Amino acid sequence: AGRSGTANMPLQKIQIIKGSIDREGNKSEKVIDVI
């Protein structure tokens, strides 16, 4: 929100980053655009 009299940048988007590993040790990663 800044202080009085200053302009700040609006938001573009929100992401969720998921990292996981299965029982065999295989690792994976995913980036999800939420909104």
Full PDB file with SEQRES, HELIX, SHEET, SSBOND, CRYST1, ORIGX, SCALE, CONECT and MASTER records, all heavy atoms in Angstrom:
SEQRES   1 A   35  ALA GLY ARG SER GLY THR ALA ASN MET PRO LEU GLN LYS          
SEQRES   2 A   35  ILE GLN ILE ILE LYS GLY SER ILE ASP ARG GLU GLY ASN          
SEQRES   3 A   35  LYS SER GLU LYS VAL ILE ASP VAL ILE                          
SHEET    1 AA1 2 GLN A  15  ILE A  21  0                                        
SHEET    2 AA1 2 LYS A  27  ASP A  33 -1                                        
CRYST1    1.000    1.000    1.000  90.00  90.00  90.00 P 1           1          
ORIGX1      1.000000  0.000000  0.000000        0.00000                         
ORIGX2      0.000000  1.000000  0.000000        0.00000                         
ORIGX3      0.000000  0.000000  1.000000        0.00000                         
SCALE1      1.000000  0.000000  0.000000        0.00000                         
SCALE2      0.000000  1.000000  0.000000        0.00000                         
SCALE3      0.000000  0.000000  1.000000        0.00000                         
ATOM      1  N   ALA A   1       0.814  -1.216   0.000  1.00  0.00           N  
ATOM      2  CA  ALA A   1       0.000   0.000   0.000  1.00  0.00           C  
ATOM      3  C   ALA A   1       0.842   1.258   0.000  1.00  0.00           C  
ATOM      4  O   ALA A   1       0.359   2.345  -0.342  1.00  0.00           O  
ATOM      5  CB  ALA A   1      -0.931  -0.004   1.215  1.00  0.00           C  
ATOM      6  N   GLY A   2       2.131   1.138   0.381  1.00  0.00           N  
ATOM      7  CA  GLY A   2       3.010   2.296   0.391  1.00  0.00           C  
ATOM      8  C   GLY A   2       2.634   3.283   1.475  1.00  0.00           C  
ATOM      9  O   GLY A   2       1.798   3.030   2.335  1.00  0.00           O  
ATOM     10  N   ARG A   3       3.278   4.424   1.408  1.00  0.00           N  
ATOM     11  CA  ARG A   3       2.908   5.493   2.335  1.00  0.00           C  
ATOM     12  C   ARG A   3       2.109   6.528   1.560  1.00  0.00           C  
ATOM     13  O   ARG A   3       2.029   6.489   0.332  1.00  0.00           O  
ATOM     14  CB  ARG A   3       4.161   6.131   2.962  1.00  0.00           C  
ATOM     15  CG  ARG A   3       5.121   6.754   1.954  1.00  0.00           C  
ATOM     16  CD  ARG A   3       6.340   7.348   2.638  1.00  0.00           C  
ATOM     17  NE  ARG A   3       7.311   7.857   1.681  1.00  0.00           N  
ATOM     18  CZ  ARG A   3       7.231   9.041   1.098  1.00  0.00           C  
ATOM     19  NH1 ARG A   3       6.219   9.840   1.356  1.00  0.00           N  
ATOM     20  NH2 ARG A   3       8.160   9.431   0.239  1.00  0.00           N  
ATOM     21  N   SER A   4       1.538   7.461   2.253  1.00  0.00           N  
ATOM     22  CA  SER A   4       0.687   8.463   1.626  1.00  0.00           C  
ATOM     23  C   SER A   4       1.432   9.207   0.520  1.00  0.00           C  
ATOM     24  O   SER A   4       2.553   9.694   0.712  1.00  0.00           O  
ATOM     25  CB  SER A   4       0.198   9.462   2.682  1.00  0.00           C  
ATOM     26  OG  SER A   4      -0.588  10.467   2.088  1.00  0.00           O  
ATOM     27  N   GLY A   5       0.817   9.279  -0.658  1.00  0.00           N  
ATOM     28  CA  GLY A   5       1.416  10.041  -1.757  1.00  0.00           C  
ATOM     29  C   GLY A   5       2.338   9.245  -2.647  1.00  0.00           C  
ATOM     30  O   GLY A   5       2.887   9.795  -3.606  1.00  0.00           O  
ATOM     31  N   THR A   6       2.545   7.955  -2.379  1.00  0.00           N  
ATOM     32  CA  THR A   6       3.422   7.148  -3.226  1.00  0.00           C  
ATOM     33  C   THR A   6       2.603   6.093  -3.961  1.00  0.00           C  
ATOM     34  O   THR A   6       1.619   5.581  -3.443  1.00  0.00           O  
ATOM     35  CB  THR A   6       4.519   6.446  -2.407  1.00  0.00           C  
ATOM     36  OG1 THR A   6       3.897   5.531  -1.493  1.00  0.00           O  
ATOM     37  CG2 THR A   6       5.350   7.449  -1.634  1.00  0.00           C  
ATOM     38  N   ALA A   7       3.043   5.793  -5.176  1.00  0.00           N  
ATOM     39  CA  ALA A   7       2.380   4.765  -5.976  1.00  0.00           C  
ATOM     40  C   ALA A   7       3.226   3.500  -5.949  1.00  0.00           C  
ATOM     41  O   ALA A   7       4.441   3.556  -6.129  1.00  0.00           O  
ATOM     42  CB  ALA A   7       2.194   5.252  -7.407  1.00  0.00           C  
ATOM     43  N   ASN A   8       2.611   2.364  -5.722  1.00  0.00           N  
ATOM     44  CA  ASN A   8       3.318   1.101  -5.709  1.00  0.00           C  
ATOM     45  C   ASN A   8       2.785   0.204  -6.814  1.00  0.00           C  
ATOM     46  O   ASN A   8       1.711   0.421  -7.361  1.00  0.00           O  
ATOM     47  CB  ASN A   8       3.179   0.426  -4.342  1.00  0.00           C  
ATOM     48  CG  ASN A   8       3.981   1.149  -3.286  1.00  0.00           C  
ATOM     49  OD1 ASN A   8       5.168   0.925  -3.148  1.00  0.00           O  
ATOM     50  ND2 ASN A   8       3.322   2.030  -2.536  1.00  0.00           N  
ATOM     51  N   MET A   9       3.567  -0.840  -7.117  1.00  0.00           N  
ATOM     52  CA  MET A   9       3.218  -1.694  -8.240  1.00  0.00           C  
ATOM     53  C   MET A   9       2.081  -2.644  -7.877  1.00  0.00           C  
ATOM     54  O   MET A   9       2.071  -3.235  -6.791  1.00  0.00           O  
ATOM     55  CB  MET A   9       4.439  -2.501  -8.669  1.00  0.00           C  
ATOM     56  CG  MET A   9       5.561  -1.643  -9.228  1.00  0.00           C  
ATOM     57  SD  MET A   9       5.037  -0.663 -10.642  1.00  0.00           S  
ATOM     58  CE  MET A   9       4.599  -1.950 -11.804  1.00  0.00           C  
ATOM     59  N   PRO A  10       1.118  -2.814  -8.781  1.00  0.00           N  
ATOM     60  CA  PRO A  10       0.057  -3.800  -8.543  1.00  0.00           C  
ATOM     61  C   PRO A  10       0.580  -5.209  -8.729  1.00  0.00           C  
ATOM     62  O   PRO A  10       1.669  -5.436  -9.277  1.00  0.00           O  
ATOM     63  CB  PRO A  10      -0.981  -3.450  -9.613  1.00  0.00           C  
ATOM     64  CG  PRO A  10      -0.195  -2.806 -10.710  1.00  0.00           C  
ATOM     65  CD  PRO A  10       0.931  -2.070 -10.029  1.00  0.00           C  
ATOM     66  N   LEU A  11      -0.217  -6.167  -8.286  1.00  0.00           N  
ATOM     67  CA  LEU A  11       0.142  -7.572  -8.412  1.00  0.00           C  
ATOM     68  C   LEU A  11      -0.263  -8.108  -9.778  1.00  0.00           C  
ATOM     69  O   LEU A  11      -1.269  -7.691 -10.352  1.00  0.00           O  
ATOM     70  CB  LEU A  11      -0.544  -8.388  -7.316  1.00  0.00           C  
ATOM     71  CG  LEU A  11      -0.338  -7.927  -5.873  1.00  0.00           C  
ATOM     72  CD1 LEU A  11      -1.107  -8.829  -4.922  1.00  0.00           C  
ATOM     73  CD2 LEU A  11       1.132  -7.881  -5.509  1.00  0.00           C  
ATOM     74  N   GLN A  12       0.539  -9.058 -10.284  1.00  0.00           N  
ATOM     75  CA  GLN A  12       0.211  -9.705 -11.549  1.00  0.00           C  
ATOM     76  C   GLN A  12      -0.466 -11.051 -11.335  1.00  0.00           C  
ATOM     77  O   GLN A  12      -1.533 -11.316 -11.885  1.00  0.00           O  
ATOM     78  CB  GLN A  12       1.461  -9.894 -12.408  1.00  0.00           C  
ATOM     79  CG  GLN A  12       1.158 -10.460 -13.795  1.00  0.00           C  
ATOM     80  CD  GLN A  12       2.397 -10.849 -14.562  1.00  0.00           C  
ATOM     81  OE1 GLN A  12       3.188 -11.668 -14.094  1.00  0.00           O  
ATOM     82  NE2 GLN A  12       2.580 -10.251 -15.729  1.00  0.00           N  
ATOM     83  N   LYS A  13       0.148 -11.928 -10.508  1.00  0.00           N  
ATOM     84  CA  LYS A  13      -0.429 -13.261 -10.322  1.00  0.00           C  
ATOM     85  C   LYS A  13       0.150 -13.935  -9.093  1.00  0.00           C  
ATOM     86  O   LYS A  13       1.156 -13.492  -8.526  1.00  0.00           O  
ATOM     87  CB  LYS A  13      -0.188 -14.136 -11.547  1.00  0.00           C  
ATOM     88  CG  LYS A  13       1.269 -14.409 -11.869  1.00  0.00           C  
ATOM     89  CD  LYS A  13       1.381 -15.288 -13.108  1.00  0.00           C  
ATOM     90  CE  LYS A  13       2.835 -15.514 -13.512  1.00  0.00           C  
ATOM     91  NZ  LYS A  13       2.940 -16.382 -14.715  1.00  0.00           N  
ATOM     92  N   ILE A  14      -0.492 -15.031  -8.705  1.00  0.00           N  
ATOM     93  CA  ILE A  14      -0.032 -15.892  -7.612  1.00  0.00           C  
ATOM     94  C   ILE A  14       0.183 -17.290  -8.169  1.00  0.00           C  
ATOM     95  O   ILE A  14      -0.639 -17.809  -8.918  1.00  0.00           O  
ATOM     96  CB  ILE A  14      -1.049 -15.949  -6.459  1.00  0.00           C  
ATOM     97  CG1 ILE A  14      -1.257 -14.578  -5.821  1.00  0.00           C  
ATOM     98  CG2 ILE A  14      -0.599 -16.950  -5.401  1.00  0.00           C  
ATOM     99  CD1 ILE A  14      -2.309 -14.573  -4.729  1.00  0.00           C  
ATOM    100  N   GLN A  15       1.280 -17.900  -7.780  1.00  0.00           N  
ATOM    101  CA  GLN A  15       1.581 -19.271  -8.162  1.00  0.00           C  
ATOM    102  C   GLN A  15       1.767 -20.130  -6.908  1.00  0.00           C  
ATOM    103  O   GLN A  15       2.086 -19.614  -5.836  1.00  0.00           O  
ATOM    104  CB  GLN A  15       2.870 -19.329  -8.988  1.00  0.00           C  
ATOM    105  CG  GLN A  15       2.822 -18.548 -10.279  1.00  0.00           C  
ATOM    106  CD  GLN A  15       4.161 -18.542 -10.982  1.00  0.00           C  
ATOM    107  OE1 GLN A  15       5.199 -18.271 -10.366  1.00  0.00           O  
ATOM    108  NE2 GLN A  15       4.167 -18.852 -12.271  1.00  0.00           N  
ATOM    109  N   ILE A  16       1.578 -21.434  -7.052  1.00  0.00           N  
ATOM    110  CA  ILE A  16       1.960 -22.402  -6.027  1.00  0.00           C  
ATOM    111  C   ILE A  16       2.996 -23.331  -6.636  1.00  0.00           C  
ATOM    112  O   ILE A  16       2.808 -23.833  -7.750  1.00  0.00           O  
ATOM    113  CB  ILE A  16       0.743 -23.198  -5.507  1.00  0.00           C  
ATOM    114  CG1 ILE A  16      -0.150 -22.289  -4.651  1.00  0.00           C  
ATOM    115  CG2 ILE A  16       1.199 -24.401  -4.679  1.00  0.00           C  
ATOM    116  CD1 ILE A  16      -1.406 -22.979  -4.132  1.00  0.00           C  
ATOM    117  N   ILE A  17       4.085 -23.523  -5.927  1.00  0.00           N  
ATOM    118  CA  ILE A  17       5.149 -24.428  -6.366  1.00  0.00           C  
ATOM    119  C   ILE A  17       5.062 -25.691  -5.525  1.00  0.00           C  
ATOM    120  O   ILE A  17       5.040 -25.627  -4.290  1.00  0.00           O  
ATOM    121  CB  ILE A  17       6.537 -23.774  -6.239  1.00  0.00           C  
ATOM    122  CG1 ILE A  17       6.716 -22.676  -7.286  1.00  0.00           C  
ATOM    123  CG2 ILE A  17       7.643 -24.812  -6.414  1.00  0.00           C  
ATOM    124  CD1 ILE A  17       6.157 -21.346  -6.925  1.00  0.00           C  
ATOM    125  N   LYS A  18       5.012 -26.829  -6.221  1.00  0.00           N  
ATOM    126  CA  LYS A  18       4.959 -28.119  -5.535  1.00  0.00           C  
ATOM    127  C   LYS A  18       6.217 -28.918  -5.859  1.00  0.00           C  
ATOM    128  O   LYS A  18       6.626 -29.020  -7.019  1.00  0.00           O  
ATOM    129  CB  LYS A  18       3.741 -28.928  -5.980  1.00  0.00           C  
ATOM    130  CG  LYS A  18       3.704 -30.353  -5.401  1.00  0.00           C  
ATOM    131  CD  LYS A  18       2.580 -31.200  -5.982  1.00  0.00           C  
ATOM    132  CE  LYS A  18       2.620 -32.622  -5.444  1.00  0.00           C  
ATOM    133  NZ  LYS A  18       1.555 -33.485  -6.018  1.00  0.00           N  
ATOM    134  N   GLY A  19       6.831 -29.473  -4.841  1.00  0.00           N  
ATOM    135  CA  GLY A  19       7.921 -30.424  -5.011  1.00  0.00           C  
ATOM    136  C   GLY A  19       7.558 -31.717  -4.304  1.00  0.00           C  
ATOM    137  O   GLY A  19       6.970 -31.690  -3.219  1.00  0.00           O  
ATOM    138  N   SER A  20       7.892 -32.852  -4.909  1.00  0.00           N  
ATOM    139  CA  SER A  20       7.520 -34.125  -4.288  1.00  0.00           C  
ATOM    140  C   SER A  20       8.554 -35.197  -4.597  1.00  0.00           C  
ATOM    141  O   SER A  20       9.396 -35.036  -5.482  1.00  0.00           O  
ATOM    142  CB  SER A  20       6.143 -34.575  -4.778  1.00  0.00           C  
ATOM    143  OG  SER A  20       6.147 -34.775  -6.182  1.00  0.00           O  
ATOM    144  N   ILE A  21       8.470 -36.290  -3.849  1.00  0.00           N  
ATOM    145  CA  ILE A  21       9.347 -37.439  -4.079  1.00  0.00           C  
ATOM    146  C   ILE A  21       8.547 -38.704  -3.798  1.00  0.00           C  
ATOM    147  O   ILE A  21       7.824 -38.784  -2.793  1.00  0.00           O  
ATOM    148  CB  ILE A  21      10.619 -37.355  -3.201  1.00  0.00           C  
ATOM    149  CG1 ILE A  21      11.546 -38.528  -3.492  1.00  0.00           C  
ATOM    150  CG2 ILE A  21      10.277 -37.284  -1.730  1.00  0.00           C  
ATOM    151  CD1 ILE A  21      12.910 -38.367  -2.850  1.00  0.00           C  
ATOM    152  N   ASP A  22       8.657 -39.705  -4.710  1.00  0.00           N  
ATOM    153  CA  ASP A  22       7.898 -40.938  -4.520  1.00  0.00           C  
ATOM    154  C   ASP A  22       8.741 -41.959  -3.757  1.00  0.00           C  
ATOM    155  O   ASP A  22       9.878 -41.695  -3.357  1.00  0.00           O  
ATOM    156  CB  ASP A  22       7.404 -41.495  -5.851  1.00  0.00           C  
ATOM    157  CG  ASP A  22       8.529 -41.901  -6.803  1.00  0.00           C  
ATOM    158  OD1 ASP A  22       9.657 -42.166  -6.323  1.00  0.00           O  
ATOM    159  OD2 ASP A  22       8.279 -41.959  -8.013  1.00  0.00           O  
ATOM    160  N   ARG A  23       8.169 -43.152  -3.558  1.00  0.00           N  
ATOM    161  CA  ARG A  23       8.838 -44.168  -2.742  1.00  0.00           C  
ATOM    162  C   ARG A  23      10.126 -44.672  -3.373  1.00  0.00           C  
ATOM    163  O   ARG A  23      11.001 -45.194  -2.687  1.00  0.00           O  
ATOM    164  CB  ARG A  23       7.881 -45.336  -2.505  1.00  0.00           C  
ATOM    165  CG  ARG A  23       6.755 -45.005  -1.538  1.00  0.00           C  
ATOM    166  CD  ARG A  23       5.887 -46.224  -1.276  1.00  0.00           C  
ATOM    167  NE  ARG A  23       4.931 -45.978  -0.194  1.00  0.00           N  
ATOM    168  CZ  ARG A  23       4.051 -46.885   0.230  1.00  0.00           C  
ATOM    169  NH1 ARG A  23       4.009 -48.085  -0.343  1.00  0.00           N  
ATOM    170  NH2 ARG A  23       3.219 -46.596   1.212  1.00  0.00           N  
ATOM    171  N   GLU A  24      10.254 -44.524  -4.692  1.00  0.00           N  
ATOM    172  CA  GLU A  24      11.476 -44.961  -5.382  1.00  0.00           C  
ATOM    173  C   GLU A  24      12.531 -43.874  -5.412  1.00  0.00           C  
ATOM    174  O   GLU A  24      13.615 -44.064  -5.975  1.00  0.00           O  
ATOM    175  CB  GLU A  24      11.137 -45.391  -6.813  1.00  0.00           C  
ATOM    176  CG  GLU A  24      10.393 -46.722  -6.931  1.00  0.00           C  
ATOM    177  CD  GLU A  24       8.976 -46.633  -6.409  1.00  0.00           C  
ATOM    178  OE1 GLU A  24       8.281 -45.638  -6.756  1.00  0.00           O  
ATOM    179  OE2 GLU A  24       8.558 -47.538  -5.642  1.00  0.00           O  
ATOM    180  N   GLY A  25      12.234 -42.725  -4.825  1.00  0.00           N  
ATOM    181  CA  GLY A  25      13.200 -41.639  -4.783  1.00  0.00           C  
ATOM    182  C   GLY A  25      13.152 -40.711  -5.975  1.00  0.00           C  
ATOM    183  O   GLY A  25      14.013 -39.832  -6.114  1.00  0.00           O  
ATOM    184  N   ASN A  26      12.165 -40.860  -6.856  1.00  0.00           N  
ATOM    185  CA  ASN A  26      12.027 -39.984  -8.015  1.00  0.00           C  
ATOM    186  C   ASN A  26      11.445 -38.641  -7.575  1.00  0.00           C  
ATOM    187  O   ASN A  26      10.392 -38.595  -6.934  1.00  0.00           O  
ATOM    188  CB  ASN A  26      11.123 -40.627  -9.067  1.00  0.00           C  
ATOM    189  CG  ASN A  26      11.687 -41.948  -9.563  1.00  0.00           C  
ATOM    190  OD1 ASN A  26      12.840 -42.023  -9.969  1.00  0.00           O  
ATOM    191  ND2 ASN A  26      10.864 -42.994  -9.528  1.00  0.00           N  
ATOM    192  N   LYS A  27      12.142 -37.558  -7.938  1.00  0.00           N  
ATOM    193  CA  LYS A  27      11.730 -36.221  -7.538  1.00  0.00           C  
ATOM    194  C   LYS A  27      11.017 -35.529  -8.681  1.00  0.00           C  
ATOM    195  O   LYS A  27      11.360 -35.714  -9.852  1.00  0.00           O  
ATOM    196  CB  LYS A  27      12.952 -35.402  -7.116  1.00  0.00           C  
ATOM    197  CG  LYS A  27      13.724 -36.007  -5.949  1.00  0.00           C  
ATOM    198  CD  LYS A  27      14.986 -35.215  -5.658  1.00  0.00           C  
ATOM    199  CE  LYS A  27      15.791 -35.852  -4.537  1.00  0.00           C  
ATOM    200  NZ  LYS A  27      17.060 -35.121  -4.269  1.00  0.00           N  
ATOM    201  N   SER A  28      10.017 -34.718  -8.350  1.00  0.00           N  
ATOM    202  CA  SER A  28       9.299 -33.966  -9.368  1.00  0.00           C  
ATOM    203  C   SER A  28       8.990 -32.566  -8.859  1.00  0.00           C  
ATOM    204  O   SER A  28       9.038 -32.295  -7.658  1.00  0.00           O  
ATOM    205  CB  SER A  28       8.002 -34.681  -9.764  1.00  0.00           C  
ATOM    206  OG  SER A  28       7.117 -34.754  -8.662  1.00  0.00           O  
ATOM    207  N   GLU A  29       8.661 -31.683  -9.810  1.00  0.00           N  
ATOM    208  CA  GLU A  29       8.406 -30.285  -9.482  1.00  0.00           C  
ATOM    209  C   GLU A  29       7.320 -29.763 -10.409  1.00  0.00           C  
ATOM    210  O   GLU A  29       7.245 -30.136 -11.589  1.00  0.00           O  
ATOM    211  CB  GLU A  29       9.688 -29.477  -9.669  1.00  0.00           C  
ATOM    212  CG  GLU A  29       9.555 -27.981  -9.465  1.00  0.00           C  
ATOM    213  CD  GLU A  29      10.883 -27.274  -9.710  1.00  0.00           C  
ATOM    214  OE1 GLU A  29      11.828 -27.543  -8.942  1.00  0.00           O  
ATOM    215  OE2 GLU A  29      10.977 -26.495 -10.667  1.00  0.00           O  
ATOM    216  N   LYS A  30       6.467 -28.911  -9.886  1.00  0.00           N  
ATOM    217  CA  LYS A  30       5.392 -28.355 -10.686  1.00  0.00           C  
ATOM    218  C   LYS A  30       5.114 -26.928 -10.235  1.00  0.00           C  
ATOM    219  O   LYS A  30       5.114 -26.639  -9.031  1.00  0.00           O  
ATOM    220  CB  LYS A  30       4.126 -29.208 -10.549  1.00  0.00           C  
ATOM    221  CG  LYS A  30       2.995 -28.815 -11.487  1.00  0.00           C  
ATOM    222  CD  LYS A  30       1.830 -29.792 -11.379  1.00  0.00           C  
ATOM    223  CE  LYS A  30       0.722 -29.435 -12.371  1.00  0.00           C  
ATOM    224  NZ  LYS A  30      -0.432 -30.378 -12.277  1.00  0.00           N  
ATOM    225  N   VAL A  31       4.889 -26.031 -11.199  1.00  0.00           N  
ATOM    226  CA  VAL A  31       4.528 -24.643 -10.922  1.00  0.00           C  
ATOM    227  C   VAL A  31       3.107 -24.423 -11.418  1.00  0.00           C  
ATOM    228  O   VAL A  31       2.819 -24.616 -12.607  1.00  0.00           O  
ATOM    229  CB  VAL A  31       5.496 -23.663 -11.604  1.00  0.00           C  
ATOM    230  CG1 VAL A  31       5.077 -22.220 -11.323  1.00  0.00           C  
ATOM    231  CG2 VAL A  31       6.925 -23.895 -11.119  1.00  0.00           C  
ATOM    232  N   ILE A  32       2.210 -24.004 -10.528  1.00  0.00           N  
ATOM    233  CA  ILE A  32       0.788 -23.851 -10.855  1.00  0.00           C  
ATOM    234  C   ILE A  32       0.416 -22.381 -10.767  1.00  0.00           C  
ATOM    235  O   ILE A  32       0.644 -21.726  -9.740  1.00  0.00           O  
ATOM    236  CB  ILE A  32      -0.098 -24.660  -9.884  1.00  0.00           C  
ATOM    237  CG1 ILE A  32       0.287 -26.130  -9.908  1.00  0.00           C  
ATOM    238  CG2 ILE A  32      -1.567 -24.478 -10.210  1.00  0.00           C  
ATOM    239  CD1 ILE A  32       1.204 -26.549  -8.769  1.00  0.00           C  
ATOM    240  N   ASP A  33      -0.151 -21.836 -11.840  1.00  0.00           N  
ATOM    241  CA  ASP A  33      -0.717 -20.491 -11.804  1.00  0.00           C  
ATOM    242  C   ASP A  33      -2.095 -20.580 -11.174  1.00  0.00           C  
ATOM    243  O   ASP A  33      -3.017 -21.175 -11.746  1.00  0.00           O  
ATOM    244  CB  ASP A  33      -0.814 -19.900 -13.207  1.00  0.00           C  
ATOM    245  CG  ASP A  33       0.544 -19.556 -13.793  1.00  0.00           C  
ATOM    246  OD1 ASP A  33       1.454 -19.229 -13.014  1.00  0.00           O  
ATOM    247  OD2 ASP A  33       0.696 -19.611 -15.025  1.00  0.00           O  
ATOM    248  N   VAL A  34      -2.249 -19.972  -9.998  1.00  0.00           N  
ATOM    249  CA  VAL A  34      -3.496 -20.102  -9.240  1.00  0.00           C  
ATOM    250  C   VAL A  34      -4.495 -19.028  -9.625  1.00  0.00           C  
ATOM    251  O   VAL A  34      -5.671 -19.302  -9.881  1.00  0.00           O  
ATOM    252  CB  VAL A  34      -3.204 -20.060  -7.724  1.00  0.00           C  
ATOM    253  CG1 VAL A  34      -4.503 -20.070  -6.918  1.00  0.00           C  
ATOM    254  CG2 VAL A  34      -2.325 -21.226  -7.313  1.00  0.00           C  
ATOM    255  N   ILE A  35      -4.029 -17.795  -9.704  1.00  0.00           N  
ATOM    256  CA  ILE A  35      -4.934 -16.694 -10.019  1.00  0.00           C  
ATOM    257  C   ILE A  35      -4.107 -15.511 -10.495  1.00  0.00           C  
ATOM    258  O   ILE A  35      -2.944 -15.339 -10.116  1.00  0.00           O  
ATOM    259  CB  ILE A  35      -5.800 -16.303  -8.797  1.00  0.00           C  
ATOM    260  CG1 ILE A  35      -6.916 -15.347  -9.202  1.00  0.00           C  
ATOM    261  CG2 ILE A  35      -4.951 -15.738  -7.667  1.00  0.00           C  
ATOM    262  CD1 ILE A  35      -7.957 -15.124  -8.114  1.00  0.00           C  
TER     263      ILE A  35                                                      
MASTER        0    0    0    0    2    0    0    6  262    1    0    3          
END                                                                             
